[in-house]
Amino acid sequence: MVLDSYGRLSRVPETGELEKIDTQWADNRKVIERIGASLGEQLKDGLSAWKRSVRRPGWERLLERVESGESDGIVVWHTDRLFRQPRDLEKLIELGERGFKIYSAHGERDLSRADDRFILRIEVAQACKSSDDTSRRIKRRFATKREQGAGYLGGPRRFGWPGKDLAWVPGPEETDKDRPDVTADQVERERTALREGTDAQLAGIGQGTIANEWNAAGLRTALGREWIAVTVKSVLSRPMNAGLIEHDGKLVGRMEGDPIVDPEDFERLRAIYAARRRGRVVGERYIGTGILRCWLCRMKLSAAPKDTVYKDTGERRAVYFCNKQRRGCGKVYGDRRAIDHELRLLVIARQSDSRHASAVAAARARVADRLADLRAEIGECEQLQEALSERLGLREIRLDAFDRANKPLAADLARLRAERDQLSGGNADGPVEAQPPEEVARQWDDGDVSERRTMLTSALEKNVLYLKPAARTGARVFDRERLTFDDPEDPSGTAE
């Protein structure tokens, strides 16, 4: 019998300390040895099994192994490590009706037995109610603190505020309990940066410029990372900077003491941000952006035009590059036209390969039902957003009301689209039968950038395509060997 071992971070109610996953796995192995079974996979997840928006890779992997028959059961500390929502239990019951077993300190539960399913349903319902009660108490406590003028409700330190130094690296004999507080001088430097950054934005200076200036001055985020444009906007947009306490987009109070940033300046800045139009959608101009990855740091590549043109066509040059403003290393780049040519050849080769088409068809069949549900949910969210936008345009609702209503929709869309892209490899609607190479080439040549990106993601499925740095030979010709499926952490190619 093959049993998987599952651990999930949780806090001990008596002490508030984290129950380490390694400790849970060690205890689970003792149970497996006592039963006389063999260990399958060790699976783990983060703190929450209750929030619907939290993705649990370990739980998803468990379901895959149950469905495929690779696992006969699971060992956990307690069923509340595995379940906090009744829907999760029902999903496992549906897949494990043939006799999947759950082992814990409280004994054995066999999903093929009605009595065991009944007991599990009671246990999970109790765990869900406990989580609901805890959430209600925490929300009420936070609401009381906000009413009393507390804008900072705990959690990790934020830029411009005192607290523990999150960038501190412990020595050999040190633990997290030894983590020092940031100095008063550092907090004041950060607050000065927030004021100057707000003034700079109001004067029309770009976020990238501000990020470069902060980095050059030795300032870092609260986590010790370098600044990029998007994080500058994020930190300047915090109502706390102006002493404002907001919840769900509503002003609920004001913090005591002088604010870091003048409230009028902050409202002007927020109005500027709200009035900005979103930039061009990724992938409307370049085929490989967001798909190709850097070989050195594994970040997704960006693209940008150059000031020169190709002599044979007069077309403006462009390059794919690893973007430092997206936390890339900035050390890998390549000619856009040469790389697009290689992408075209890759798509033709793969979509005309019958073995690849068969593998794609099998993979899509396994996730077809879930993808259909995801598309339906995405469609509903998009319709709601369109309706909200129409009401805003007709001035039937205010901008703050639109923001409050749109915020959860945007979060749901991001989560649903991420799951859809993960299941489909970015595309699940392309052909699953091999086509003649000439037909694939014709579709590519006649298609626009969006259609070519769809063909590329369909050809790649879940493979990742990396761009290696150029060899320092002085050659001006693109080396096609720079494009590879190999994992940088496994150059032998065995990972594929």
Protein backbone atom coordinates (compact mmCIF):
# COMPACT_ATOMS: atom_id res chain seq x y z
CA MET A 1 0.00 0.00 0.00
CA VAL A 2 1.33 3.43 -1.03
CA LEU A 3 0.53 6.29 1.33
CA ASP A 4 1.31 9.96 0.74
CA SER A 5 2.34 12.23 3.62
CA TYR A 6 0.71 15.66 3.87
CA GLY A 7 1.74 18.63 5.99
CA ARG A 8 0.26 22.10 6.23
CA LEU A 9 1.54 25.04 8.24
CA SER A 10 -0.67 25.85 11.19
CA ARG A 11 -0.41 27.57 14.53
CA VAL A 12 -0.62 25.88 17.93
CA PRO A 13 -3.62 27.52 19.66
CA GLU A 14 -1.93 27.52 23.08
CA THR A 15 1.35 29.17 22.03
CA GLY A 16 0.70 30.66 18.60
CA GLU A 17 3.86 28.97 17.28
CA LEU A 18 3.97 27.36 13.86
CA GLU A 19 3.73 23.59 13.56
CA LYS A 20 6.62 22.88 11.19
CA ILE A 21 5.91 20.72 8.16
CA ASP A 22 9.12 18.69 8.67
CA THR A 23 7.86 17.73 12.13
CA GLN A 24 4.51 16.68 10.69
CA TRP A 25 6.20 14.61 7.99
CA ALA A 26 8.42 12.88 10.57
CA ASP A 27 5.37 11.86 12.63
CA ASN A 28 3.57 10.76 9.47
CA ARG A 29 6.48 8.47 8.55
CA LYS A 30 6.13 6.72 11.92
CA VAL A 31 2.48 6.00 11.13
CA ILE A 32 3.39 4.66 7.67
CA GLU A 33 6.04 2.38 9.16
CA ARG A 34 3.62 1.11 11.81
CA ILE A 35 1.01 0.26 9.18
CA GLY A 36 3.60 -1.47 7.01
CA ALA A 37 2.97 0.74 3.98
CA SER A 38 5.44 2.53 1.72
CA LEU A 39 5.84 6.30 1.43
CA GLY A 40 4.60 7.77 -1.85
CA GLU A 41 5.10 11.54 -2.02
CA GLN A 42 5.54 14.14 0.70
CA LEU A 43 3.10 16.98 0.02
CA LYS A 44 2.77 20.36 1.71
CA ASP A 45 0.84 23.63 1.61
CA GLY A 46 0.85 27.01 3.35
CA LEU A 47 -1.19 28.32 6.24
CA SER A 48 -4.76 28.53 4.95
CA ALA A 49 -6.99 25.66 3.85
CA TRP A 50 -10.08 27.80 4.52
CA LYS A 51 -9.78 30.75 2.14
CA ARG A 52 -11.28 30.00 -1.25
CA SER A 53 -8.81 32.23 -3.09
CA VAL A 54 -5.72 30.41 -1.76
CA ARG A 55 -4.19 27.93 -4.16
CA ARG A 56 -2.92 24.70 -2.58
CA PRO A 57 -0.43 22.90 -4.88
CA GLY A 58 0.03 20.02 -2.43
CA TRP A 59 -3.71 19.41 -2.24
CA GLU A 60 -4.03 19.58 -6.03
CA ARG A 61 -1.19 17.07 -6.42
CA LEU A 62 -2.92 14.75 -3.95
CA LEU A 63 -6.10 14.81 -6.04
CA GLU A 64 -4.09 13.99 -9.17
CA ARG A 65 -2.50 10.97 -7.46
CA VAL A 66 -5.86 9.74 -6.15
CA GLU A 67 -7.47 10.04 -9.58
CA SER A 68 -4.60 8.22 -11.30
CA GLY A 69 -4.54 5.45 -8.69
CA GLU A 70 -0.93 6.18 -7.70
CA SER A 71 -1.89 6.72 -4.05
CA ASP A 72 -3.92 4.41 -1.78
CA GLY A 73 -4.22 6.86 1.08
CA ILE A 74 -2.89 9.89 2.91
CA VAL A 75 -1.36 10.39 6.36
CA VAL A 76 -1.94 13.69 8.19
CA TRP A 77 -1.59 14.98 11.73
CA HIS A 78 -5.31 15.69 11.89
CA THR A 79 -8.07 15.94 9.32
CA ASP A 80 -8.16 19.73 9.83
CA ARG A 81 -4.64 19.84 8.29
CA LEU A 82 -6.20 18.48 5.10
CA PHE A 83 -9.72 19.95 5.14
CA ARG A 84 -11.22 23.26 6.22
CA GLN A 85 -14.02 23.39 3.67
CA PRO A 86 -16.72 20.70 3.11
CA ARG A 87 -16.32 21.06 -0.66
CA ASP A 88 -12.75 19.72 -0.42
CA LEU A 89 -13.88 16.61 1.42
CA GLU A 90 -16.64 15.95 -1.11
CA LYS A 91 -14.14 16.28 -3.95
CA LEU A 92 -11.88 13.67 -2.34
CA ILE A 93 -14.84 11.38 -1.56
CA GLU A 94 -15.86 11.50 -5.21
CA LEU A 95 -12.38 10.48 -6.35
CA GLY A 96 -11.65 8.00 -3.55
CA GLU A 97 -14.82 5.90 -3.43
CA ARG A 98 -12.81 2.77 -4.28
CA GLY A 99 -11.27 2.66 -0.81
CA PHE A 100 -8.97 5.64 -0.35
CA LYS A 101 -7.94 5.88 3.31
CA ILE A 102 -7.04 8.81 5.55
CA TYR A 103 -4.78 8.11 8.54
CA SER A 104 -4.25 10.50 11.44
CA ALA A 105 -3.62 10.51 15.19
CA HIS A 106 -7.35 9.82 15.60
CA GLY A 107 -7.30 6.61 13.62
CA GLU A 108 -8.27 5.50 10.14
CA ARG A 109 -11.04 6.70 7.85
CA ASP A 110 -12.00 4.68 4.75
CA LEU A 111 -13.85 6.74 2.13
CA SER A 112 -15.60 3.61 0.83
CA ARG A 113 -17.45 3.23 4.17
CA ALA A 114 -20.57 5.29 4.78
CA ASP A 115 -19.99 5.60 8.54
CA ASP A 116 -16.46 6.95 8.01
CA ARG A 117 -17.72 9.46 5.45
CA PHE A 118 -20.36 10.61 7.94
CA ILE A 119 -17.76 11.13 10.71
CA LEU A 120 -15.43 12.99 8.35
CA ARG A 121 -18.24 15.30 7.28
CA ILE A 122 -18.93 16.19 10.90
CA GLU A 123 -15.21 16.82 11.60
CA VAL A 124 -14.81 19.03 8.55
CA ALA A 125 -17.99 20.97 9.32
CA GLN A 126 -16.64 21.66 12.82
CA ALA A 127 -13.27 22.78 11.39
CA CYS A 128 -15.05 25.09 8.92
CA LYS A 129 -17.20 26.61 11.67
CA SER A 130 -14.11 27.14 13.83
CA SER A 131 -12.43 29.00 10.97
CA ASP A 132 -15.56 31.08 10.34
CA ASP A 133 -15.78 32.01 14.04
CA THR A 134 -12.09 32.97 14.14
CA SER A 135 -12.47 35.10 11.01
CA ARG A 136 -15.48 36.89 12.50
CA ARG A 137 -13.64 37.67 15.74
CA ILE A 138 -10.55 38.93 13.90
CA LYS A 139 -12.62 41.16 11.61
CA ARG A 140 -14.42 42.64 14.59
CA ARG A 141 -11.15 43.24 16.46
CA PHE A 142 -9.62 44.97 13.45
CA ALA A 143 -12.76 47.09 12.96
CA THR A 144 -12.53 48.23 16.58
CA LYS A 145 -8.84 49.14 16.16
CA ARG A 146 -9.61 51.14 13.02
CA GLU A 147 -12.37 53.03 14.83
CA GLN A 148 -9.83 53.87 17.55
CA GLY A 149 -7.41 55.35 15.00
CA ALA A 150 -5.04 52.40 14.46
CA GLY A 151 -3.97 52.35 10.82
CA TYR A 152 -1.36 49.62 11.27
CA LEU A 153 -3.03 46.37 12.34
CA GLY A 154 0.01 44.14 12.62
CA GLY A 155 1.80 41.93 10.17
CA PRO A 156 5.22 42.55 8.61
CA ARG A 157 6.82 45.99 8.72
CA ARG A 158 6.00 48.41 5.94
CA PHE A 159 8.29 50.90 4.23
CA GLY A 160 8.34 54.13 6.24
CA TRP A 161 7.20 52.52 9.49
CA PRO A 162 9.06 51.08 12.48
CA GLY A 163 9.20 47.35 13.16
CA LYS A 164 11.37 44.30 12.71
CA ASP A 165 14.05 44.41 10.01
CA LEU A 166 12.71 41.96 7.42
CA ALA A 167 15.92 42.17 5.35
CA TRP A 168 18.06 40.94 8.26
CA VAL A 169 19.86 37.65 7.62
CA PRO A 170 20.48 35.54 10.74
CA GLY A 171 23.95 34.23 11.50
CA PRO A 172 24.87 30.61 12.29
CA GLU A 173 23.84 30.89 15.95
CA GLU A 174 20.90 33.26 15.45
CA THR A 175 17.18 32.63 14.96
CA ASP A 176 14.23 34.74 13.93
CA LYS A 177 13.73 35.68 17.57
CA ASP A 178 16.99 37.65 17.34
CA ARG A 179 15.70 39.81 14.49
CA PRO A 180 16.42 43.49 15.32
CA ASP A 181 14.18 46.51 14.85
CA VAL A 182 14.98 48.97 12.08
CA THR A 183 16.69 52.13 13.32
CA ALA A 184 14.89 55.44 13.74
CA ASP A 185 17.27 56.95 11.17
CA GLN A 186 16.25 54.39 8.57
CA VAL A 187 12.55 55.03 9.20
CA GLU A 188 13.09 58.77 8.79
CA ARG A 189 15.02 58.23 5.52
CA GLU A 190 12.16 56.15 4.21
CA ARG A 191 9.57 58.76 5.22
CA THR A 192 11.59 61.47 3.48
CA ALA A 193 11.66 59.29 0.37
CA LEU A 194 7.87 58.90 0.49
CA ARG A 195 7.39 62.66 0.68
CA GLU A 196 9.89 63.37 -2.10
CA GLY A 197 8.51 60.54 -4.21
CA THR A 198 4.98 61.94 -3.93
CA ASP A 199 6.23 65.41 -4.95
CA ALA A 200 8.15 63.89 -7.86
CA GLN A 201 5.09 62.03 -9.14
CA LEU A 202 2.99 65.19 -8.93
CA ALA A 203 5.71 66.98 -10.91
CA GLY A 204 5.49 64.36 -13.66
CA ILE A 205 8.64 62.36 -12.88
CA GLY A 206 8.24 58.70 -13.78
CA GLN A 207 8.10 55.83 -11.31
CA GLY A 208 11.09 54.15 -12.96
CA THR A 209 13.20 57.26 -12.38
CA ILE A 210 12.14 57.37 -8.73
CA ALA A 211 12.97 53.67 -8.34
CA ASN A 212 16.46 54.23 -9.76
CA GLU A 213 17.05 57.18 -7.43
CA TRP A 214 15.94 55.22 -4.36
CA ASN A 215 18.13 52.26 -5.33
CA ALA A 216 21.12 54.53 -5.92
CA ALA A 217 20.60 56.08 -2.47
CA GLY A 218 20.75 52.64 -0.87
CA LEU A 219 17.04 52.48 -0.05
CA ARG A 220 15.35 49.10 -0.33
CA THR A 221 11.83 47.78 0.15
CA ALA A 222 10.81 46.50 3.58
CA LEU A 223 11.83 43.03 2.41
CA GLY A 224 15.25 44.26 1.29
CA ARG A 225 14.59 44.10 -2.46
CA GLU A 226 15.48 46.72 -5.07
CA TRP A 227 12.77 49.11 -6.18
CA ILE A 228 11.02 48.85 -9.54
CA ALA A 229 8.35 51.11 -11.03
CA VAL A 230 5.36 49.03 -9.91
CA THR A 231 6.52 48.82 -6.28
CA VAL A 232 7.08 52.59 -6.18
CA LYS A 233 3.47 53.14 -7.24
CA SER A 234 2.26 50.59 -4.71
CA VAL A 235 4.03 52.19 -1.75
CA LEU A 236 3.06 55.74 -2.73
CA SER A 237 -0.60 54.66 -3.03
CA ARG A 238 -0.96 53.59 0.61
CA PRO A 239 -3.54 55.69 2.50
CA MET A 240 -1.44 55.25 5.67
CA ASN A 241 1.09 57.68 4.20
CA ALA A 242 -1.52 60.45 4.56
CA GLY A 243 -2.74 59.26 7.96
CA LEU A 244 -5.94 57.85 6.44
CA ILE A 245 -7.55 54.62 7.65
CA GLU A 246 -9.52 52.96 4.87
CA HIS A 247 -11.34 49.65 4.70
CA ASP A 248 -12.92 48.23 1.54
CA GLY A 249 -12.29 51.57 -0.17
CA LYS A 250 -14.07 53.62 2.52
CA LEU A 251 -12.54 56.16 4.88
CA VAL A 252 -13.22 54.88 8.41
CA GLY A 253 -10.88 57.03 10.47
CA ARG A 254 -7.66 58.99 10.74
CA MET A 255 -4.43 58.03 12.46
CA GLU A 256 -3.10 60.01 15.39
CA GLY A 257 -0.11 62.30 14.88
CA ASP A 258 1.22 64.06 11.81
CA PRO A 259 0.93 62.15 8.52
CA ILE A 260 4.01 61.33 6.47
CA VAL A 261 2.54 62.90 3.32
CA ASP A 262 0.21 65.89 3.12
CA PRO A 263 -3.35 64.45 2.69
CA GLU A 264 -4.16 66.92 -0.11
CA ASP A 265 -1.04 65.87 -2.04
CA PHE A 266 -1.94 62.23 -1.51
CA GLU A 267 -5.48 62.73 -2.87
CA ARG A 268 -4.07 64.56 -5.91
CA LEU A 269 -1.68 61.68 -6.53
CA ARG A 270 -4.41 59.09 -6.18
CA ALA A 271 -6.59 61.03 -8.60
CA ILE A 272 -3.73 60.99 -11.13
CA TYR A 273 -3.38 57.22 -10.75
CA ALA A 274 -7.15 56.67 -11.09
CA ALA A 275 -7.30 58.79 -14.25
CA ARG A 276 -4.55 56.86 -16.01
CA ARG A 277 -5.51 54.44 -18.70
CA ARG A 278 -4.13 50.95 -18.59
CA GLY A 279 -1.17 50.34 -20.87
CA ARG A 280 -1.15 48.15 -23.92
CA VAL A 281 -2.13 44.56 -23.18
CA VAL A 282 0.89 42.24 -23.03
CA GLY A 283 1.30 40.41 -26.30
CA GLU A 284 -0.37 42.86 -28.67
CA ARG A 285 2.94 43.90 -30.25
CA TYR A 286 5.40 41.06 -29.71
CA ILE A 287 4.96 37.30 -29.96
CA GLY A 288 7.34 36.15 -27.25
CA THR A 289 6.75 38.63 -24.41
CA GLY A 290 5.60 36.89 -21.24
CA ILE A 291 6.24 33.48 -22.83
CA LEU A 292 10.01 33.37 -23.28
CA ARG A 293 12.06 33.25 -20.10
CA CYS A 294 15.57 34.32 -19.17
CA TRP A 295 18.04 31.44 -18.84
CA LEU A 296 19.92 33.15 -15.99
CA CYS A 297 17.14 34.33 -13.68
CA ARG A 298 14.06 32.57 -15.15
CA MET A 299 12.01 35.77 -15.32
CA LYS A 300 9.68 36.39 -18.29
CA LEU A 301 11.18 38.48 -21.07
CA SER A 302 9.95 41.88 -22.19
CA ALA A 303 10.41 43.53 -25.60
CA ALA A 304 11.13 47.05 -26.80
CA PRO A 305 11.73 48.81 -30.13
CA LYS A 306 15.15 50.20 -31.11
CA ASP A 307 16.01 53.40 -32.95
CA THR A 308 17.50 51.53 -35.94
CA VAL A 309 15.82 49.62 -38.78
CA TYR A 310 16.49 46.40 -40.70
CA LYS A 311 18.26 47.36 -43.93
CA ASP A 312 16.50 44.79 -46.11
CA THR A 313 12.92 45.75 -45.15
CA GLY A 314 13.15 49.14 -43.43
CA GLU A 315 11.22 47.65 -40.50
CA ARG A 316 12.04 49.06 -37.11
CA ARG A 317 14.28 46.81 -35.00
CA ALA A 318 13.22 45.43 -31.62
CA VAL A 319 14.75 43.18 -28.98
CA TYR A 320 13.55 40.72 -26.39
CA PHE A 321 15.31 41.38 -23.11
CA CYS A 322 15.31 40.51 -19.42
CA ASN A 323 13.78 43.60 -17.81
CA LYS A 324 15.32 44.93 -14.60
CA GLN A 325 12.13 46.92 -14.00
CA ARG A 326 10.36 43.55 -13.67
CA ARG A 327 13.00 42.20 -11.29
CA GLY A 328 14.96 40.52 -14.07
CA CYS A 329 18.76 40.34 -14.22
CA GLY A 330 19.03 42.53 -17.33
CA LYS A 331 21.79 40.32 -18.79
CA VAL A 332 19.95 38.44 -21.56
CA TYR A 333 18.62 39.92 -24.79
CA GLY A 334 18.15 38.90 -28.42
CA ASP A 335 16.99 40.25 -31.77
CA ARG A 336 13.20 40.10 -32.06
CA ARG A 337 13.04 39.20 -35.77
CA ALA A 338 15.57 36.36 -35.48
CA ILE A 339 13.82 34.89 -32.44
CA ASP A 340 10.37 35.18 -34.02
CA HIS A 341 11.72 33.23 -37.01
CA GLU A 342 12.81 30.41 -34.69
CA LEU A 343 9.43 30.48 -32.93
CA ARG A 344 7.73 30.07 -36.30
CA LEU A 345 9.84 26.99 -37.08
CA LEU A 346 9.10 25.54 -33.64
CA VAL A 347 5.34 25.94 -34.08
CA ILE A 348 5.42 24.36 -37.53
CA ALA A 349 7.47 21.39 -36.29
CA ARG A 350 5.31 20.70 -33.26
CA GLN A 351 1.85 21.21 -34.74
CA SER A 352 2.71 18.91 -37.65
CA ASP A 353 4.01 16.18 -35.28
CA SER A 354 1.40 13.47 -34.65
CA ARG A 355 3.05 12.40 -31.37
CA HIS A 356 2.87 15.91 -29.98
CA ALA A 357 -0.78 16.24 -31.08
CA SER A 358 -1.70 12.99 -29.31
CA ALA A 359 -0.02 14.11 -26.09
CA VAL A 360 -1.83 17.46 -26.24
CA ALA A 361 -5.21 15.77 -26.82
CA ALA A 362 -4.71 13.46 -23.84
CA ALA A 363 -3.63 16.32 -21.57
CA ARG A 364 -6.59 18.49 -22.51
CA ALA A 365 -9.08 15.68 -22.01
CA ARG A 366 -7.95 15.35 -18.38
CA VAL A 367 -8.73 19.00 -17.58
CA ALA A 368 -11.61 19.68 -19.99
CA ASP A 369 -14.37 19.83 -17.35
CA ARG A 370 -12.48 22.14 -15.03
CA LEU A 371 -11.48 24.40 -17.93
CA ALA A 372 -15.14 24.68 -18.97
CA ASP A 373 -16.08 25.76 -15.42
CA LEU A 374 -13.23 28.27 -15.33
CA ARG A 375 -14.24 29.82 -18.65
CA ALA A 376 -17.81 30.17 -17.44
CA GLU A 377 -16.70 31.89 -14.23
CA ILE A 378 -14.32 34.17 -16.14
CA GLY A 379 -17.12 35.11 -18.51
CA GLU A 380 -19.43 36.00 -15.61
CA CYS A 381 -16.75 38.19 -13.97
CA GLU A 382 -16.03 39.97 -17.26
CA GLN A 383 -19.73 40.65 -17.82
CA LEU A 384 -20.02 42.13 -14.34
CA GLN A 385 -17.00 44.35 -14.99
CA GLU A 386 -18.53 45.58 -18.25
CA ALA A 387 -21.81 46.36 -16.49
CA LEU A 388 -19.98 48.26 -13.76
CA SER A 389 -17.96 50.22 -16.34
CA GLU A 390 -21.14 51.15 -18.19
CA ARG A 391 -22.77 52.42 -14.99
CA LEU A 392 -19.64 54.41 -14.16
CA GLY A 393 -19.64 55.97 -17.64
CA LEU A 394 -23.31 56.96 -17.21
CA ARG A 395 -22.42 58.47 -13.79
CA GLU A 396 -24.88 56.17 -12.05
CA ILE A 397 -22.17 55.22 -9.55
CA ARG A 398 -19.15 57.05 -8.17
CA LEU A 399 -15.53 56.08 -8.81
CA ASP A 400 -15.00 54.88 -5.23
CA ALA A 401 -18.08 52.63 -5.49
CA PHE A 402 -16.74 51.26 -8.78
CA ASP A 403 -13.37 50.53 -7.18
CA ARG A 404 -14.97 48.72 -4.24
CA ALA A 405 -17.10 46.55 -6.53
CA ASN A 406 -14.34 45.94 -9.07
CA LYS A 407 -11.60 45.01 -6.58
CA PRO A 408 -12.92 41.48 -5.74
CA LEU A 409 -13.82 40.91 -9.39
CA ALA A 410 -10.27 41.75 -10.49
CA ALA A 411 -8.85 39.44 -7.81
CA ASP A 412 -11.15 36.60 -8.89
CA LEU A 413 -10.26 37.13 -12.55
CA ALA A 414 -6.53 37.01 -11.80
CA ARG A 415 -6.95 33.78 -9.82
CA LEU A 416 -9.24 32.12 -12.39
CA ARG A 417 -7.07 33.11 -15.35
CA ALA A 418 -3.94 31.86 -13.60
CA GLU A 419 -5.57 28.47 -12.98
CA ARG A 420 -6.86 28.38 -16.56
CA ASP A 421 -3.42 29.12 -17.98
CA GLN A 422 -1.80 26.55 -15.71
CA LEU A 423 -4.20 23.80 -16.80
CA SER A 424 -4.13 24.70 -20.46
CA GLY A 425 -0.53 25.80 -20.88
CA GLY A 426 -1.90 29.17 -21.96
CA ASN A 427 -4.21 27.79 -24.65
CA ALA A 428 -6.65 24.91 -24.86
CA ASP A 429 -8.54 25.75 -28.03
CA GLY A 430 -5.90 25.10 -30.68
CA PRO A 431 -5.82 22.02 -32.91
CA VAL A 432 -5.11 18.64 -31.32
CA GLU A 433 -4.57 16.80 -34.60
CA ALA A 434 -1.37 16.98 -36.60
CA GLN A 435 -1.61 19.33 -39.58
CA PRO A 436 0.49 19.52 -42.74
CA PRO A 437 3.52 21.79 -42.23
CA GLU A 438 2.40 24.00 -45.12
CA GLU A 439 -0.97 24.63 -43.44
CA VAL A 440 0.64 25.54 -40.11
CA ALA A 441 3.01 27.91 -41.92
CA ARG A 442 0.11 29.53 -43.75
CA GLN A 443 -1.83 30.08 -40.49
CA TRP A 444 1.23 31.62 -38.87
CA ASP A 445 2.00 33.93 -41.81
CA ASP A 446 -1.63 35.06 -42.15
CA GLY A 447 -2.22 35.53 -38.43
CA ASP A 448 -1.75 38.64 -36.34
CA VAL A 449 0.42 38.81 -33.19
CA SER A 450 -2.37 37.54 -30.93
CA GLU A 451 -3.08 34.55 -33.19
CA ARG A 452 0.61 33.70 -33.41
CA ARG A 453 0.92 33.83 -29.62
CA THR A 454 -2.01 31.41 -29.39
CA MET A 455 -0.29 29.04 -31.81
CA LEU A 456 2.95 29.31 -29.84
CA THR A 457 1.38 28.58 -26.44
CA SER A 458 -0.50 25.66 -28.00
CA ALA A 459 2.74 24.26 -29.39
CA LEU A 460 4.60 24.71 -26.12
CA GLU A 461 1.78 23.40 -23.89
CA LYS A 462 3.51 23.22 -20.47
CA ASN A 463 7.07 23.35 -21.75
CA VAL A 464 9.08 26.46 -20.89
CA LEU A 465 11.25 28.08 -23.57
CA TYR A 466 14.40 29.85 -22.32
CA LEU A 467 16.71 32.33 -24.02
CA LYS A 468 20.40 31.92 -23.16
CA PRO A 469 22.83 34.86 -23.11
CA ALA A 470 24.78 35.54 -26.30
CA ALA A 471 28.29 34.20 -26.60
CA ARG A 472 30.94 36.94 -26.52
CA THR A 473 32.37 36.13 -29.95
CA GLY A 474 31.53 39.36 -31.75
CA ALA A 475 29.33 37.45 -34.24
CA ARG A 476 26.29 39.42 -35.44
CA VAL A 477 24.28 36.32 -36.42
CA PHE A 478 21.68 34.90 -34.01
CA ASP A 479 22.60 31.46 -32.68
CA ARG A 480 19.47 29.30 -32.61
CA GLU A 481 21.01 27.15 -29.86
CA ARG A 482 20.33 30.03 -27.48
CA LEU A 483 16.67 28.96 -27.45
CA THR A 484 16.23 25.83 -25.34
CA PHE A 485 13.67 23.84 -23.34
CA ASP A 486 16.31 22.76 -20.82
CA ASP A 487 15.82 23.83 -17.23
CA PRO A 488 18.66 26.13 -16.07
CA GLU A 489 18.82 24.11 -12.86
CA ASP A 490 19.10 20.88 -14.86
CA PRO A 491 21.22 21.67 -17.97
CA SER A 492 21.35 17.98 -18.90
CA GLY A 493 17.77 18.23 -20.07
CA THR A 494 16.55 15.36 -17.87
CA ALA A 495 13.93 17.64 -16.26
CA GLU A 496 11.96 17.75 -19.51
